[in-house]
Every structure is written in structure tokens, then in C-alpha cells.
Amino acid sequence: MISVVAEMLGVHPQTLRMYEREGFVTPKRMKRLRLYSEEDVEKLHLIISLTRELGVNKAGVEIILRMRHRLESMHKEMEDMMNALDEHMRHDFERRIKRLFSEE
């Protein structure tokens, strides 16, 4: 809920509403209550750190969040590619082992 998250992060609930209006987070809703996920809270913590500690403005936060999202997407794609490569290599290795044993 917004009051709990605001207290956890040491900000006013209006700050969280503003970040929601800006599109930085999109908490789930149950009737009129905002339900923040762990991911939402982590993202809000990052936003607050960027703005308070580093003086980043909203436009900068938006750019950083977009770059972070791209980086995470690229990381996932790279993991998928590595898994596919591992699977290919494993099949190749199995094929070579079978061929070795069939030659004996």
C-alpha cells in the first residue's frame, strides 16, 4: 500500500503518486488501493537514490530507467543464446562420444 511503501522509502505518498503519473512505476490496483510489488519498491528506491543522492532530474531518471531496461533485455537475450549454445555443444559432444564408442 502507498502509505507503507512511502514510510519504507522515507518519502511522502504524493511523491509516489507523482512517480506513478510520470510512468516510472505502475502498481497493481485493488479497488482504490495501490499494491506495490517488490520490483516496484526496488525501482522506487533506485529513483529516490538517483534524485536525492545524485541530483538526477526526471528526464535523467527516465533515460536511466530506459537504459536499465534495455540492459536487462540484452542480458536475458544473451543468457538465452548461451543456453542454446550450451545445448548445441552438448549435443555435439554426445554425438562425438557415440561416434568414438561405435568405432571401437
N, C-alpha and C. Protein backbone atom coordinates (compact mmCIF):
# COMPACT_ATOMS: atom_id res chain seq x y z
N MET A 1 0.84 -1.18 0.00
CA MET A 1 0.00 0.00 0.00
C MET A 1 0.88 1.24 0.00
N ILE A 2 0.34 2.32 -0.51
CA ILE A 2 1.15 3.53 -0.72
C ILE A 2 1.72 4.07 0.59
N SER A 3 0.93 4.04 1.67
CA SER A 3 1.43 4.60 2.93
C SER A 3 2.59 3.77 3.48
N VAL A 4 2.51 2.47 3.34
CA VAL A 4 3.58 1.59 3.83
C VAL A 4 4.85 1.79 3.01
N VAL A 5 4.70 1.82 1.69
CA VAL A 5 5.87 2.00 0.82
C VAL A 5 6.49 3.38 1.03
N ALA A 6 5.65 4.40 1.17
CA ALA A 6 6.16 5.75 1.42
C ALA A 6 6.97 5.79 2.70
N GLU A 7 6.48 5.14 3.74
CA GLU A 7 7.20 5.12 5.00
C GLU A 7 8.51 4.33 4.87
N MET A 8 8.45 3.19 4.17
CA MET A 8 9.66 2.38 3.96
C MET A 8 10.75 3.18 3.27
N LEU A 9 10.35 3.99 2.28
CA LEU A 9 11.32 4.72 1.48
C LEU A 9 11.60 6.13 1.99
N GLY A 10 10.88 6.53 3.01
CA GLY A 10 11.12 7.84 3.61
C GLY A 10 10.68 9.00 2.73
N VAL A 11 9.57 8.81 2.01
CA VAL A 11 9.03 9.87 1.16
C VAL A 11 7.56 10.07 1.47
N HIS A 12 7.02 11.17 0.97
CA HIS A 12 5.60 11.45 1.12
C HIS A 12 4.83 10.63 0.08
N PRO A 13 3.64 10.14 0.43
CA PRO A 13 2.85 9.39 -0.55
C PRO A 13 2.64 10.14 -1.86
N GLN A 14 2.57 11.47 -1.79
CA GLN A 14 2.39 12.26 -3.00
C GLN A 14 3.57 12.08 -3.97
N THR A 15 4.76 11.87 -3.42
CA THR A 15 5.93 11.61 -4.25
C THR A 15 5.74 10.34 -5.06
N LEU A 16 5.21 9.31 -4.42
CA LEU A 16 4.96 8.05 -5.12
C LEU A 16 3.87 8.21 -6.17
N ARG A 17 2.86 9.00 -5.87
CA ARG A 17 1.81 9.28 -6.86
C ARG A 17 2.40 9.99 -8.07
N MET A 18 3.32 10.92 -7.81
CA MET A 18 3.96 11.65 -8.90
C MET A 18 4.77 10.70 -9.78
N TYR A 19 5.54 9.80 -9.17
CA TYR A 19 6.32 8.84 -9.94
C TYR A 19 5.41 7.93 -10.76
N GLU A 20 4.24 7.62 -10.22
CA GLU A 20 3.27 6.83 -10.97
C GLU A 20 2.74 7.63 -12.16
N ARG A 21 2.41 8.90 -11.94
CA ARG A 21 1.93 9.76 -13.05
C ARG A 21 2.99 9.89 -14.13
N GLU A 22 4.25 9.95 -13.72
CA GLU A 22 5.35 10.06 -14.67
C GLU A 22 5.57 8.76 -15.44
N GLY A 23 4.96 7.67 -14.97
CA GLY A 23 5.09 6.39 -15.65
C GLY A 23 6.30 5.58 -15.20
N PHE A 24 6.93 5.98 -14.12
CA PHE A 24 8.10 5.26 -13.64
C PHE A 24 7.73 3.92 -13.02
N VAL A 25 6.56 3.86 -12.37
CA VAL A 25 6.05 2.61 -11.79
C VAL A 25 4.56 2.52 -12.09
N THR A 26 4.09 1.29 -12.11
CA THR A 26 2.66 1.05 -12.33
C THR A 26 2.21 -0.01 -11.34
N PRO A 27 1.88 0.43 -10.12
CA PRO A 27 1.46 -0.56 -9.13
C PRO A 27 0.12 -1.19 -9.52
N LYS A 28 -0.07 -2.42 -9.08
CA LYS A 28 -1.37 -3.08 -9.29
C LYS A 28 -2.40 -2.35 -8.45
N ARG A 29 -3.64 -2.52 -8.82
CA ARG A 29 -4.71 -1.86 -8.06
C ARG A 29 -5.74 -2.88 -7.63
N MET A 30 -6.19 -2.70 -6.41
CA MET A 30 -7.32 -3.46 -5.89
C MET A 30 -8.30 -2.43 -5.38
N LYS A 31 -9.34 -2.22 -6.19
CA LYS A 31 -10.29 -1.13 -5.94
C LYS A 31 -9.51 0.17 -5.95
N ARG A 32 -9.45 0.88 -4.83
CA ARG A 32 -8.73 2.16 -4.80
C ARG A 32 -7.33 2.03 -4.22
N LEU A 33 -6.95 0.85 -3.79
CA LEU A 33 -5.63 0.65 -3.17
C LEU A 33 -4.57 0.36 -4.22
N ARG A 34 -3.41 0.98 -4.02
CA ARG A 34 -2.25 0.66 -4.85
C ARG A 34 -1.48 -0.46 -4.15
N LEU A 35 -1.16 -1.49 -4.93
CA LEU A 35 -0.39 -2.61 -4.38
C LEU A 35 0.95 -2.66 -5.10
N TYR A 36 2.00 -2.32 -4.37
CA TYR A 36 3.34 -2.26 -4.94
C TYR A 36 4.01 -3.62 -4.83
N SER A 37 4.61 -4.05 -5.94
CA SER A 37 5.38 -5.30 -5.93
C SER A 37 6.78 -5.02 -5.39
N GLU A 38 7.50 -6.09 -5.14
CA GLU A 38 8.89 -5.95 -4.69
C GLU A 38 9.70 -5.22 -5.76
N GLU A 39 9.43 -5.54 -7.02
CA GLU A 39 10.12 -4.88 -8.13
C GLU A 39 9.80 -3.38 -8.16
N ASP A 40 8.54 -3.01 -7.90
CA ASP A 40 8.15 -1.60 -7.83
C ASP A 40 8.93 -0.88 -6.74
N VAL A 41 9.02 -1.52 -5.58
CA VAL A 41 9.72 -0.90 -4.44
C VAL A 41 11.21 -0.73 -4.76
N GLU A 42 11.81 -1.74 -5.39
CA GLU A 42 13.22 -1.63 -5.77
C GLU A 42 13.43 -0.50 -6.78
N LYS A 43 12.54 -0.39 -7.75
CA LYS A 43 12.64 0.66 -8.75
C LYS A 43 12.46 2.03 -8.10
N LEU A 44 11.50 2.14 -7.19
CA LEU A 44 11.30 3.41 -6.47
C LEU A 44 12.52 3.78 -5.64
N HIS A 45 13.12 2.78 -5.01
CA HIS A 45 14.33 3.03 -4.22
C HIS A 45 15.44 3.58 -5.12
N LEU A 46 15.59 2.99 -6.30
CA LEU A 46 16.59 3.47 -7.26
C LEU A 46 16.28 4.92 -7.68
N ILE A 47 15.03 5.20 -7.99
CA ILE A 47 14.62 6.54 -8.42
C ILE A 47 14.92 7.56 -7.33
N ILE A 48 14.56 7.21 -6.11
CA ILE A 48 14.80 8.13 -4.99
C ILE A 48 16.29 8.34 -4.78
N SER A 49 17.08 7.29 -4.89
CA SER A 49 18.54 7.43 -4.76
C SER A 49 19.09 8.33 -5.86
N LEU A 50 18.62 8.12 -7.08
CA LEU A 50 19.10 8.95 -8.19
C LEU A 50 18.77 10.42 -7.98
N THR A 51 17.55 10.69 -7.55
CA THR A 51 17.13 12.09 -7.41
C THR A 51 17.73 12.75 -6.17
N ARG A 52 17.72 12.04 -5.04
CA ARG A 52 18.22 12.64 -3.79
C ARG A 52 19.74 12.70 -3.74
N GLU A 53 20.37 11.57 -3.98
CA GLU A 53 21.82 11.47 -3.76
C GLU A 53 22.64 11.99 -4.94
N LEU A 54 22.12 11.82 -6.14
CA LEU A 54 22.89 12.20 -7.32
C LEU A 54 22.35 13.44 -8.03
N GLY A 55 21.19 13.91 -7.60
CA GLY A 55 20.62 15.12 -8.19
C GLY A 55 20.12 14.94 -9.61
N VAL A 56 19.77 13.72 -9.99
CA VAL A 56 19.27 13.46 -11.34
C VAL A 56 17.84 13.97 -11.44
N ASN A 57 17.54 14.67 -12.55
CA ASN A 57 16.17 15.16 -12.73
C ASN A 57 15.30 14.07 -13.36
N LYS A 58 13.99 14.37 -13.53
CA LYS A 58 13.05 13.37 -14.04
C LYS A 58 13.43 12.86 -15.42
N ALA A 59 13.89 13.74 -16.28
CA ALA A 59 14.29 13.32 -17.63
C ALA A 59 15.48 12.36 -17.54
N GLY A 60 16.40 12.65 -16.66
CA GLY A 60 17.56 11.77 -16.46
C GLY A 60 17.15 10.42 -15.91
N VAL A 61 16.22 10.44 -14.96
CA VAL A 61 15.71 9.19 -14.40
C VAL A 61 15.07 8.35 -15.50
N GLU A 62 14.29 8.99 -16.35
CA GLU A 62 13.63 8.27 -17.44
C GLU A 62 14.66 7.61 -18.37
N ILE A 63 15.70 8.34 -18.70
CA ILE A 63 16.76 7.80 -19.57
C ILE A 63 17.46 6.63 -18.88
N ILE A 64 17.78 6.79 -17.61
CA ILE A 64 18.48 5.73 -16.87
C ILE A 64 17.60 4.48 -16.77
N LEU A 65 16.31 4.66 -16.50
CA LEU A 65 15.41 3.51 -16.40
C LEU A 65 15.27 2.81 -17.75
N ARG A 66 15.20 3.59 -18.82
CA ARG A 66 15.10 3.02 -20.16
C ARG A 66 16.37 2.22 -20.49
N MET A 67 17.53 2.79 -20.18
CA MET A 67 18.81 2.11 -20.44
C MET A 67 18.91 0.84 -19.59
N ARG A 68 18.46 0.92 -18.36
CA ARG A 68 18.49 -0.24 -17.47
C ARG A 68 17.61 -1.36 -18.02
N HIS A 69 16.43 -0.98 -18.52
CA HIS A 69 15.52 -1.97 -19.11
C HIS A 69 16.16 -2.62 -20.33
N ARG A 70 16.79 -1.81 -21.18
CA ARG A 70 17.47 -2.36 -22.36
C ARG A 70 18.60 -3.31 -21.95
N LEU A 71 19.37 -2.92 -20.97
CA LEU A 71 20.46 -3.76 -20.49
C LEU A 71 19.94 -5.09 -19.96
N GLU A 72 18.85 -5.05 -19.19
CA GLU A 72 18.26 -6.28 -18.67
C GLU A 72 17.76 -7.15 -19.82
N SER A 73 17.15 -6.54 -20.84
CA SER A 73 16.66 -7.30 -22.00
C SER A 73 17.82 -7.94 -22.75
N MET A 74 18.89 -7.18 -22.94
CA MET A 74 20.07 -7.72 -23.62
C MET A 74 20.69 -8.86 -22.81
N HIS A 75 20.72 -8.71 -21.50
CA HIS A 75 21.27 -9.75 -20.63
C HIS A 75 20.45 -11.02 -20.76
N LYS A 76 19.13 -10.90 -20.76
CA LYS A 76 18.25 -12.06 -20.92
C LYS A 76 18.47 -12.72 -22.27
N GLU A 77 18.58 -11.91 -23.31
CA GLU A 77 18.82 -12.45 -24.66
C GLU A 77 20.16 -13.19 -24.71
N MET A 78 21.18 -12.63 -24.06
CA MET A 78 22.48 -13.26 -24.04
C MET A 78 22.43 -14.59 -23.28
N GLU A 79 21.70 -14.63 -22.17
CA GLU A 79 21.54 -15.88 -21.43
C GLU A 79 20.85 -16.93 -22.29
N ASP A 80 19.80 -16.52 -23.02
CA ASP A 80 19.10 -17.45 -23.90
C ASP A 80 20.04 -17.98 -24.98
N MET A 81 20.86 -17.09 -25.53
CA MET A 81 21.81 -17.51 -26.56
C MET A 81 22.85 -18.47 -25.99
N MET A 82 23.32 -18.19 -24.79
CA MET A 82 24.32 -19.07 -24.15
C MET A 82 23.70 -20.43 -23.86
N ASN A 83 22.46 -20.46 -23.42
CA ASN A 83 21.79 -21.73 -23.16
C ASN A 83 21.63 -22.52 -24.45
N ALA A 84 21.27 -21.84 -25.53
CA ALA A 84 21.13 -22.51 -26.83
C ALA A 84 22.49 -23.04 -27.29
N LEU A 85 23.53 -22.24 -27.10
CA LEU A 85 24.88 -22.68 -27.47
C LEU A 85 25.30 -23.87 -26.62
N ASP A 86 25.03 -23.80 -25.33
CA ASP A 86 25.36 -24.94 -24.45
C ASP A 86 24.64 -26.20 -24.91
N GLU A 87 23.38 -26.07 -25.27
CA GLU A 87 22.61 -27.22 -25.72
C GLU A 87 23.20 -27.77 -27.02
N HIS A 88 23.56 -26.88 -27.94
CA HIS A 88 24.16 -27.30 -29.20
C HIS A 88 25.48 -28.02 -28.94
N MET A 89 26.30 -27.45 -28.07
CA MET A 89 27.60 -28.04 -27.76
C MET A 89 27.42 -29.39 -27.07
N ARG A 90 26.43 -29.47 -26.21
CA ARG A 90 26.18 -30.73 -25.51
C ARG A 90 25.77 -31.82 -26.51
N HIS A 91 24.90 -31.47 -27.46
CA HIS A 91 24.50 -32.43 -28.50
C HIS A 91 25.70 -32.84 -29.36
N ASP A 92 26.53 -31.87 -29.70
CA ASP A 92 27.73 -32.15 -30.50
C ASP A 92 28.66 -33.09 -29.73
N PHE A 93 28.84 -32.81 -28.45
CA PHE A 93 29.71 -33.65 -27.60
C PHE A 93 29.16 -35.07 -27.52
N GLU A 94 27.84 -35.19 -27.30
CA GLU A 94 27.22 -36.51 -27.22
C GLU A 94 27.40 -37.27 -28.54
N ARG A 95 27.23 -36.57 -29.65
CA ARG A 95 27.39 -37.19 -30.95
C ARG A 95 28.82 -37.71 -31.14
N ARG A 96 29.80 -36.91 -30.73
CA ARG A 96 31.21 -37.31 -30.85
C ARG A 96 31.52 -38.52 -29.96
N ILE A 97 30.98 -38.54 -28.76
CA ILE A 97 31.20 -39.67 -27.85
C ILE A 97 30.61 -40.92 -28.45
N LYS A 98 29.40 -40.84 -28.95
CA LYS A 98 28.76 -42.02 -29.58
C LYS A 98 29.59 -42.53 -30.74
N ARG A 99 30.11 -41.59 -31.54
CA ARG A 99 30.92 -41.98 -32.68
C ARG A 99 32.22 -42.67 -32.24
N LEU A 100 32.82 -42.17 -31.17
CA LEU A 100 34.05 -42.77 -30.63
C LEU A 100 33.79 -44.22 -30.18
N PHE A 101 32.69 -44.39 -29.45
CA PHE A 101 32.39 -45.73 -28.92
C PHE A 101 31.93 -46.68 -30.02
N SER A 102 31.34 -46.16 -31.06
CA SER A 102 30.89 -47.05 -32.15
C SER A 102 32.05 -47.49 -33.01
N GLU A 103 33.19 -46.75 -32.98
CA GLU A 103 34.36 -47.11 -33.78
C GLU A 103 35.15 -48.24 -33.14
N GLU A 104 34.97 -48.46 -31.84
CA GLU A 104 35.75 -49.49 -31.14
C GLU A 104 35.33 -50.87 -31.49
